[in-house]
Amino acid sequence: MDLKERVSIVLVGTQSPGNIGMVCRAMKNMGLRDLRLVNPCQVDHLDAIKFAVSARDLLESARVFTSLEDALADSEYSVATTRRHGKYRAEISTPPEIVDRFAACAPTSRLALVFGREDSGLTTDEVAMCRWQSTIETADEFGSLNLSQAVLIFCYEFLKGAAPAPVKAARELAGSASLEPMYAHMEKTFLRIGYLNPQNPDHMMRTMRRIFSRAELDEREVASLRGLLSQIDWACAEFKGKKGAGFP
């Protein structure tokens, strides 16, 4: 399967119907066809139809989801697009680097490019759900891109990077449908043994997500970790709480 045919564009909380239409046009220009919308504005608005131009078929076939987790469920790889840097927004790649990384992955794997709201982008929790992060380099004095412009740049890089699948066998990684339940199990277990601060469990869980995202787990490894967590649950059935004070 062609590289760009395995890429989905995911728009989270899009506020302008016109932007959805322009994204459809940008995708069709570059040969991408799978559009997913998470809690969008009105999709069948006249502005969306108007700006989609000849890509109305992409607009009509776009799938709508109520959560980012559901939109990523069948994608082993996901990329949070962001302009901001910070504690939870590190190791940020450029679009060509993302293309190169994905081109080296299993030829049956899928990748989701996730774009946030026009005015505020993706939340920290949404970024944490994605395996990789990427940003588009812009001029310092004005770095804000229109949503469809950002999508077009990423789609163009995948059009350029489309190439035959690698000959050697590559690992097939676990998708979000397996990873998210694992993280939920991990958080529950870590809270139970007193490893997480119950007032702010997300702080350490984001670190855990970064660690296991770098590890690029396959389904067998996820199952092994779930087994370990279950054994911890069983072993600490009589656990009364963490000794000492403070949390990591």
C-alpha atoms as a PDB file:
ATOM      1  CA  MET A   1       0.000   0.000   0.000  1.00  0.00           C
ATOM      2  CA  ASP A   2       1.268   3.470  -0.906  1.00  0.00           C
ATOM      3  CA  LEU A   3       2.726   5.417   2.029  1.00  0.00           C
ATOM      4  CA  LYS A   4       0.232   8.286   1.829  1.00  0.00           C
ATOM      5  CA  GLU A   5      -2.694   5.858   1.628  1.00  0.00           C
ATOM      6  CA  ARG A   6      -1.889   4.767   5.177  1.00  0.00           C
ATOM      7  CA  VAL A   7      -2.133   8.302   6.576  1.00  0.00           C
ATOM      8  CA  SER A   8      -5.213   9.797   8.216  1.00  0.00           C
ATOM      9  CA  ILE A   9      -5.809  13.476   8.897  1.00  0.00           C
ATOM     10  CA  VAL A  10      -7.499  14.017  12.271  1.00  0.00           C
ATOM     11  CA  LEU A  11      -8.971  17.437  13.084  1.00  0.00           C
ATOM     12  CA  VAL A  12      -9.864  18.036  16.734  1.00  0.00           C
ATOM     13  CA  GLY A  13     -12.524  20.584  17.662  1.00  0.00           C
ATOM     14  CA  THR A  14     -12.425  22.464  14.352  1.00  0.00           C
ATOM     15  CA  GLN A  15     -14.363  25.715  14.750  1.00  0.00           C
ATOM     16  CA  SER A  16     -14.775  26.897  11.151  1.00  0.00           C
ATOM     17  CA  PRO A  17     -16.712  24.900   8.513  1.00  0.00           C
ATOM     18  CA  GLY A  18     -14.685  26.690   5.855  1.00  0.00           C
ATOM     19  CA  ASN A  19     -11.461  25.313   7.306  1.00  0.00           C
ATOM     20  CA  ILE A  20     -12.819  21.773   7.092  1.00  0.00           C
ATOM     21  CA  GLY A  21     -13.630  22.348   3.430  1.00  0.00           C
ATOM     22  CA  MET A  22     -10.166  23.775   2.720  1.00  0.00           C
ATOM     23  CA  VAL A  23      -8.532  20.824   4.493  1.00  0.00           C
ATOM     24  CA  CYS A  24     -10.467  18.472   2.188  1.00  0.00           C
ATOM     25  CA  ARG A  25      -9.123  20.345  -0.827  1.00  0.00           C
ATOM     26  CA  ALA A  26      -5.550  20.290   0.514  1.00  0.00           C
ATOM     27  CA  MET A  27      -5.770  16.563   1.148  1.00  0.00           C
ATOM     28  CA  LYS A  28      -7.107  15.785  -2.303  1.00  0.00           C
ATOM     29  CA  ASN A  29      -4.411  17.962  -3.909  1.00  0.00           C
ATOM     30  CA  MET A  30      -1.785  15.689  -2.344  1.00  0.00           C
ATOM     31  CA  GLY A  31      -3.540  12.343  -2.694  1.00  0.00           C
ATOM     32  CA  LEU A  32      -4.696  11.761   0.902  1.00  0.00           C
ATOM     33  CA  ARG A  33      -8.297  10.698   1.426  1.00  0.00           C
ATOM     34  CA  ASP A  34      -8.973   9.645   5.036  1.00  0.00           C
ATOM     35  CA  LEU A  35     -10.363  12.570   7.049  1.00  0.00           C
ATOM     36  CA  ARG A  36     -11.474  12.127  10.666  1.00  0.00           C
ATOM     37  CA  LEU A  37     -13.211  14.829  12.682  1.00  0.00           C
ATOM     38  CA  VAL A  38     -13.346  14.896  16.486  1.00  0.00           C
ATOM     39  CA  ASN A  39     -16.222  16.977  17.903  1.00  0.00           C
ATOM     40  CA  PRO A  40     -16.246  19.379  14.930  1.00  0.00           C
ATOM     41  CA  CYS A  41     -18.469  22.315  14.062  1.00  0.00           C
ATOM     42  CA  GLN A  42     -21.252  21.779  11.504  1.00  0.00           C
ATOM     43  CA  VAL A  43     -19.719  19.610   8.797  1.00  0.00           C
ATOM     44  CA  ASP A  44     -22.429  20.007   6.144  1.00  0.00           C
ATOM     45  CA  HIS A  45     -22.341  23.809   6.385  1.00  0.00           C
ATOM     46  CA  LEU A  46     -22.432  25.719   3.091  1.00  0.00           C
ATOM     47  CA  ASP A  47     -18.961  27.171   3.773  1.00  0.00           C
ATOM     48  CA  ALA A  48     -17.489  23.685   4.126  1.00  0.00           C
ATOM     49  CA  ILE A  49     -19.019  22.649   0.807  1.00  0.00           C
ATOM     50  CA  LYS A  50     -17.962  25.901  -0.864  1.00  0.00           C
ATOM     51  CA  PHE A  51     -14.298  25.716   0.177  1.00  0.00           C
ATOM     52  CA  ALA A  52     -13.969  21.985  -0.484  1.00  0.00           C
ATOM     53  CA  VAL A  53     -14.490  22.774  -4.205  1.00  0.00           C
ATOM     54  CA  SER A  54     -13.818  19.471  -6.042  1.00  0.00           C
ATOM     55  CA  ALA A  55     -13.013  17.627  -2.832  1.00  0.00           C
ATOM     56  CA  ARG A  56     -16.616  17.451  -1.705  1.00  0.00           C
ATOM     57  CA  ASP A  57     -16.398  13.645  -1.817  1.00  0.00           C
ATOM     58  CA  LEU A  58     -13.787  13.768   0.983  1.00  0.00           C
ATOM     59  CA  LEU A  59     -16.068  16.027   2.991  1.00  0.00           C
ATOM     60  CA  GLU A  60     -18.996  13.658   2.576  1.00  0.00           C
ATOM     61  CA  SER A  61     -16.918  10.596   3.494  1.00  0.00           C
ATOM     62  CA  ALA A  62     -15.269  12.189   6.554  1.00  0.00           C
ATOM     63  CA  ARG A  63     -15.866  10.221   9.753  1.00  0.00           C
ATOM     64  CA  VAL A  64     -16.950  12.011  12.930  1.00  0.00           C
ATOM     65  CA  PHE A  65     -15.812  10.840  16.385  1.00  0.00           C
ATOM     66  CA  THR A  66     -16.697  11.943  19.889  1.00  0.00           C
ATOM     67  CA  SER A  67     -13.193  11.322  21.272  1.00  0.00           C
ATOM     68  CA  LEU A  68      -9.617  11.479  20.018  1.00  0.00           C
ATOM     69  CA  GLU A  69      -9.019   8.031  21.490  1.00  0.00           C
ATOM     70  CA  ASP A  70     -11.642   6.533  19.173  1.00  0.00           C
ATOM     71  CA  ALA A  71     -10.262   8.399  16.161  1.00  0.00           C
ATOM     72  CA  LEU A  72      -6.788   6.924  16.803  1.00  0.00           C
ATOM     73  CA  ALA A  73      -7.905   3.400  17.665  1.00  0.00           C
ATOM     74  CA  ASP A  74      -6.687   1.737  14.432  1.00  0.00           C
ATOM     75  CA  SER A  75      -3.468   3.759  14.053  1.00  0.00           C
ATOM     76  CA  GLU A  76      -0.249   2.321  15.436  1.00  0.00           C
ATOM     77  CA  TYR A  77       1.409   5.718  15.023  1.00  0.00           C
ATOM     78  CA  SER A  78       0.049   9.173  15.716  1.00  0.00           C
ATOM     79  CA  VAL A  79       1.551  12.653  15.472  1.00  0.00           C
ATOM     80  CA  ALA A  80       0.473  15.647  17.523  1.00  0.00           C
ATOM     81  CA  THR A  81       1.100  18.836  15.567  1.00  0.00           C
ATOM     82  CA  THR A  82       2.046  21.729  17.837  1.00  0.00           C
ATOM     83  CA  ARG A  83       3.703  25.140  17.804  1.00  0.00           C
ATOM     84  CA  ARG A  84       4.357  25.206  21.542  1.00  0.00           C
ATOM     85  CA  HIS A  85       7.357  23.740  23.313  1.00  0.00           C
ATOM     86  CA  GLY A  86       7.501  22.812  26.976  1.00  0.00           C
ATOM     87  CA  LYS A  87       7.846  20.083  29.569  1.00  0.00           C
ATOM     88  CA  TYR A  88       5.314  17.812  27.875  1.00  0.00           C
ATOM     89  CA  ARG A  89       6.094  18.964  24.333  1.00  0.00           C
ATOM     90  CA  ALA A  90       9.640  17.771  23.772  1.00  0.00           C
ATOM     91  CA  GLU A  91      11.435  15.728  21.090  1.00  0.00           C
ATOM     92  CA  ILE A  92       9.534  17.597  18.371  1.00  0.00           C
ATOM     93  CA  SER A  93      10.246  16.477  14.784  1.00  0.00           C
ATOM     94  CA  THR A  94       9.864  18.304  11.474  1.00  0.00           C
ATOM     95  CA  PRO A  95       7.355  17.035   8.856  1.00  0.00           C
ATOM     96  CA  PRO A  96      10.115  15.442   6.685  1.00  0.00           C
ATOM     97  CA  GLU A  97      11.476  13.647   9.754  1.00  0.00           C
ATOM     98  CA  ILE A  98       8.009  12.264  10.480  1.00  0.00           C
ATOM     99  CA  VAL A  99       7.752  10.992   6.902  1.00  0.00           C
ATOM    100  CA  ASP A 100      11.149   9.279   7.176  1.00  0.00           C
ATOM    101  CA  ARG A 101      10.278   7.659  10.492  1.00  0.00           C
ATOM    102  CA  PHE A 102       6.965   6.337   9.225  1.00  0.00           C
ATOM    103  CA  ALA A 103       8.471   5.122   5.947  1.00  0.00           C
ATOM    104  CA  ALA A 104      10.723   2.834   7.994  1.00  0.00           C
ATOM    105  CA  CYS A 105       7.790   1.264   9.850  1.00  0.00           C
ATOM    106  CA  ALA A 106       5.793  -1.843   8.988  1.00  0.00           C
ATOM    107  CA  PRO A 107       4.138  -1.547   5.541  1.00  0.00           C
ATOM    108  CA  THR A 108       0.720  -2.387   6.999  1.00  0.00           C
ATOM    109  CA  SER A 109       0.820   0.204   9.791  1.00  0.00           C
ATOM    110  CA  ARG A 110      -1.236   3.390   9.837  1.00  0.00           C
ATOM    111  CA  LEU A 111      -0.371   6.915  10.920  1.00  0.00           C
ATOM    112  CA  ALA A 112      -2.706   9.673  12.130  1.00  0.00           C
ATOM    113  CA  LEU A 113      -1.701  13.330  11.810  1.00  0.00           C
ATOM    114  CA  VAL A 114      -3.575  15.195  14.540  1.00  0.00           C
ATOM    115  CA  PHE A 115      -4.353  18.917  14.257  1.00  0.00           C
ATOM    116  CA  GLY A 116      -5.919  20.987  17.030  1.00  0.00           C
ATOM    117  CA  ARG A 117      -8.319  23.889  17.304  1.00  0.00           C
ATOM    118  CA  GLU A 118      -7.690  27.034  15.287  1.00  0.00           C
ATOM    119  CA  ASP A 119      -7.358  29.262  18.362  1.00  0.00           C
ATOM    120  CA  SER A 120      -5.740  26.992  20.944  1.00  0.00           C
ATOM    121  CA  GLY A 121      -4.386  23.877  19.251  1.00  0.00           C
ATOM    122  CA  LEU A 122      -4.262  20.564  21.098  1.00  0.00           C
ATOM    123  CA  THR A 123      -4.459  20.229  24.871  1.00  0.00           C
ATOM    124  CA  THR A 124      -1.592  18.695  26.830  1.00  0.00           C
ATOM    125  CA  ASP A 125      -3.650  15.547  27.376  1.00  0.00           C
ATOM    126  CA  GLU A 126      -4.368  15.267  23.635  1.00  0.00           C
ATOM    127  CA  VAL A 127      -0.685  15.682  22.819  1.00  0.00           C
ATOM    128  CA  ALA A 128       0.117  12.969  25.371  1.00  0.00           C
ATOM    129  CA  MET A 129      -2.155  10.525  23.526  1.00  0.00           C
ATOM    130  CA  CYS A 130       0.036  10.746  20.405  1.00  0.00           C
ATOM    131  CA  ARG A 131       3.238   8.757  19.889  1.00  0.00           C
ATOM    132  CA  TRP A 132       5.210  11.540  18.174  1.00  0.00           C
ATOM    133  CA  GLN A 133       5.108  15.343  18.041  1.00  0.00           C
ATOM    134  CA  SER A 134       5.862  17.622  15.107  1.00  0.00           C
ATOM    135  CA  THR A 135       5.982  21.287  14.237  1.00  0.00           C
ATOM    136  CA  ILE A 136       6.367  23.359  11.065  1.00  0.00           C
ATOM    137  CA  GLU A 137       9.231  25.836  11.142  1.00  0.00           C
ATOM    138  CA  THR A 138       8.051  29.405  10.521  1.00  0.00           C
ATOM    139  CA  ALA A 139       9.379  32.934  10.801  1.00  0.00           C
ATOM    140  CA  ASP A 140       9.809  34.171  14.377  1.00  0.00           C
ATOM    141  CA  GLU A 141       7.801  37.350  13.862  1.00  0.00           C
ATOM    142  CA  PHE A 142       4.651  35.528  12.712  1.00  0.00           C
ATOM    143  CA  GLY A 143       4.443  31.786  13.160  1.00  0.00           C
ATOM    144  CA  SER A 144       0.685  31.210  13.059  1.00  0.00           C
ATOM    145  CA  LEU A 145      -0.496  29.055  10.140  1.00  0.00           C
ATOM    146  CA  ASN A 146      -4.038  28.581   8.900  1.00  0.00           C
ATOM    147  CA  LEU A 147      -5.251  25.049   9.636  1.00  0.00           C
ATOM    148  CA  SER A 148      -5.483  24.078   5.973  1.00  0.00           C
ATOM    149  CA  GLN A 149      -1.990  25.490   5.321  1.00  0.00           C
ATOM    150  CA  ALA A 150      -0.540  23.285   8.036  1.00  0.00           C
ATOM    151  CA  VAL A 151      -2.373  20.241   6.721  1.00  0.00           C
ATOM    152  CA  LEU A 152      -1.216  20.985   3.166  1.00  0.00           C
ATOM    153  CA  ILE A 153       2.449  21.117   4.211  1.00  0.00           C
ATOM    154  CA  PHE A 154       2.275  17.743   5.951  1.00  0.00           C
ATOM    155  CA  CYS A 155       0.346  16.193   3.056  1.00  0.00           C
ATOM    156  CA  TYR A 156       2.911  17.528   0.584  1.00  0.00           C
ATOM    157  CA  GLU A 157       5.751  15.928   2.538  1.00  0.00           C
ATOM    158  CA  PHE A 158       3.956  12.579   2.425  1.00  0.00           C
ATOM    159  CA  LEU A 159       3.345  12.981  -1.309  1.00  0.00           C
ATOM    160  CA  LYS A 160       7.085  13.560  -1.802  1.00  0.00           C
ATOM    161  CA  GLY A 161       8.030  10.749   0.546  1.00  0.00           C
ATOM    162  CA  ALA A 162       5.739   8.118  -0.977  1.00  0.00           C
ATOM    163  CA  ALA A 163       7.930   5.166  -1.896  1.00  0.00           C
ATOM    164  CA  PRO A 164       7.763   1.353  -2.087  1.00  0.00           C
ATOM    165  CA  ALA A 165       7.515  -0.360   1.277  1.00  0.00           C
ATOM    166  CA  PRO A 166      10.813  -1.539   2.779  1.00  0.00           C
ATOM    167  CA  VAL A 167      11.806  -5.073   1.830  1.00  0.00           C
ATOM    168  CA  LYS A 168      12.800  -6.235   5.296  1.00  0.00           C
ATOM    169  CA  ALA A 169      10.093  -7.168   7.740  1.00  0.00           C
ATOM    170  CA  ALA A 170       9.280  -4.498  10.316  1.00  0.00           C
ATOM    171  CA  ARG A 171       7.622  -4.830  13.677  1.00  0.00           C
ATOM    172  CA  GLU A 172       3.883  -4.258  13.797  1.00  0.00           C
ATOM    173  CA  LEU A 173       3.238  -2.016  16.755  1.00  0.00           C
ATOM    174  CA  ALA A 174       0.308  -1.947  19.124  1.00  0.00           C
ATOM    175  CA  GLY A 175      -2.327   0.666  18.325  1.00  0.00           C
ATOM    176  CA  SER A 176      -4.197   3.055  20.568  1.00  0.00           C
ATOM    177  CA  ALA A 177      -6.942   0.468  21.051  1.00  0.00           C
ATOM    178  CA  SER A 178      -4.430  -1.594  23.055  1.00  0.00           C
ATOM    179  CA  LEU A 179      -2.291   1.193  24.505  1.00  0.00           C
ATOM    180  CA  GLU A 180      -5.042   3.316  26.062  1.00  0.00           C
ATOM    181  CA  PRO A 181      -6.497   0.450  28.161  1.00  0.00           C
ATOM    182  CA  MET A 182      -2.941  -0.384  29.239  1.00  0.00           C
ATOM    183  CA  TYR A 183      -2.357   3.201  30.399  1.00  0.00           C
ATOM    184  CA  ALA A 184      -5.680   3.202  32.236  1.00  0.00           C
ATOM    185  CA  HIS A 185      -4.753  -0.079  33.954  1.00  0.00           C
ATOM    186  CA  MET A 186      -1.306   1.311  34.780  1.00  0.00           C
ATOM    187  CA  GLU A 187      -2.748   4.453  36.359  1.00  0.00           C
ATOM    188  CA  LYS A 188      -5.208   2.428  38.459  1.00  0.00           C
ATOM    189  CA  THR A 189      -2.476   0.068  39.670  1.00  0.00           C
ATOM    190  CA  PHE A 190       0.023   2.841  40.393  1.00  0.00           C
ATOM    191  CA  LEU A 191      -2.578   4.723  42.397  1.00  0.00           C
ATOM    192  CA  ARG A 192      -3.352   1.559  44.323  1.00  0.00           C
ATOM    193  CA  ILE A 193       0.284   0.986  45.359  1.00  0.00           C
ATOM    194  CA  GLY A 194       0.838   4.656  46.194  1.00  0.00           C
ATOM    195  CA  TYR A 195       3.223   5.430  43.352  1.00  0.00           C
ATOM    196  CA  LEU A 196       1.096   8.246  41.918  1.00  0.00           C
ATOM    197  CA  ASN A 197      -0.005  11.385  43.676  1.00  0.00           C
ATOM    198  CA  PRO A 198      -3.801  10.995  43.738  1.00  0.00           C
ATOM    199  CA  GLN A 199      -4.137  14.788  43.530  1.00  0.00           C
ATOM    200  CA  ASN A 200      -2.173  14.937  40.284  1.00  0.00           C
ATOM    201  CA  PRO A 201      -1.751  11.479  38.689  1.00  0.00           C
ATOM    202  CA  ASP A 202      -1.449  12.940  35.172  1.00  0.00           C
ATOM    203  CA  HIS A 203       1.976  14.412  35.970  1.00  0.00           C
ATOM    204  CA  MET A 204       3.694  11.035  36.262  1.00  0.00           C
ATOM    205  CA  MET A 205       1.417   9.295  33.755  1.00  0.00           C
ATOM    206  CA  ARG A 206       2.526  11.686  31.028  1.00  0.00           C
ATOM    207  CA  THR A 207       6.103  10.626  31.775  1.00  0.00           C
ATOM    208  CA  MET A 208       5.055   6.978  31.531  1.00  0.00           C
ATOM    209  CA  ARG A 209       3.424   7.669  28.175  1.00  0.00           C
ATOM    210  CA  ARG A 210       6.614   9.267  26.852  1.00  0.00           C
ATOM    211  CA  ILE A 211       8.698   6.311  28.022  1.00  0.00           C
ATOM    212  CA  PHE A 212       6.480   3.692  26.403  1.00  0.00           C
ATOM    213  CA  SER A 213       5.973   5.763  23.248  1.00  0.00           C
ATOM    214  CA  ARG A 214       9.739   5.687  22.741  1.00  0.00           C
ATOM    215  CA  ALA A 215       9.722   1.940  23.412  1.00  0.00           C
ATOM    216  CA  GLU A 216       7.260   1.425  20.515  1.00  0.00           C
ATOM    217  CA  LEU A 217       5.513  -1.583  22.039  1.00  0.00           C
ATOM    218  CA  ASP A 218       4.016  -4.391  20.003  1.00  0.00           C
ATOM    219  CA  GLU A 219       0.887  -6.312  21.008  1.00  0.00           C
ATOM    220  CA  ARG A 220       2.853  -9.051  22.782  1.00  0.00           C
ATOM    221  CA  GLU A 221       4.733  -6.504  24.863  1.00  0.00           C
ATOM    222  CA  VAL A 222       1.505  -4.721  25.800  1.00  0.00           C
ATOM    223  CA  ALA A 223       0.057  -8.071  26.898  1.00  0.00           C
ATOM    224  CA  SER A 224       3.189  -8.751  28.986  1.00  0.00           C
ATOM    225  CA  LEU A 225       2.889  -5.389  30.729  1.00  0.00           C
ATOM    226  CA  ARG A 226      -0.810  -5.942  31.369  1.00  0.00           C
ATOM    227  CA  GLY A 227       0.104  -9.301  32.906  1.00  0.00           C
ATOM    228  CA  LEU A 228       2.675  -7.615  35.138  1.00  0.00           C
ATOM    229  CA  LEU A 229       0.116  -5.039  36.256  1.00  0.00           C
ATOM    230  CA  SER A 230      -2.410  -7.771  37.021  1.00  0.00           C
ATOM    231  CA  GLN A 231       0.169  -9.618  39.113  1.00  0.00           C
ATOM    232  CA  ILE A 232       0.884  -6.412  41.028  1.00  0.00           C
ATOM    233  CA  ASP A 233      -2.853  -5.981  41.595  1.00  0.00           C
ATOM    234  CA  TRP A 234      -3.071  -9.496  42.996  1.00  0.00           C
ATOM    235  CA  ALA A 235       0.072  -9.208  45.118  1.00  0.00           C
ATOM    236  CA  CYS A 236      -0.964  -5.935  46.751  1.00  0.00           C
ATOM    237  CA  ALA A 237      -4.510  -7.026  47.640  1.00  0.00           C
ATOM    238  CA  GLU A 238      -3.767  -6.339  51.312  1.00  0.00           C
ATOM    239  CA  PHE A 239      -1.667  -3.218  50.686  1.00  0.00           C
ATOM    240  CA  LYS A 240      -2.580  -0.413  53.102  1.00  0.00           C
ATOM    241  CA  GLY A 241      -0.860   2.536  51.491  1.00  0.00           C
ATOM    242  CA  LYS A 242       2.540   3.976  50.627  1.00  0.00           C
ATOM    243  CA  LYS A 243       5.140   4.140  53.356  1.00  0.00           C
ATOM    244  CA  GLY A 244       6.728   7.509  54.007  1.00  0.00           C
ATOM    245  CA  ALA A 245       5.714  10.871  52.615  1.00  0.00           C
ATOM    246  CA  GLY A 246       5.853  12.536  49.227  1.00  0.00           C
ATOM    247  CA  PHE A 247       5.465  11.322  45.690  1.00  0.00           C
ATOM    248  CA  PRO A 248       7.917  11.028  42.809  1.00  0.00           C
END
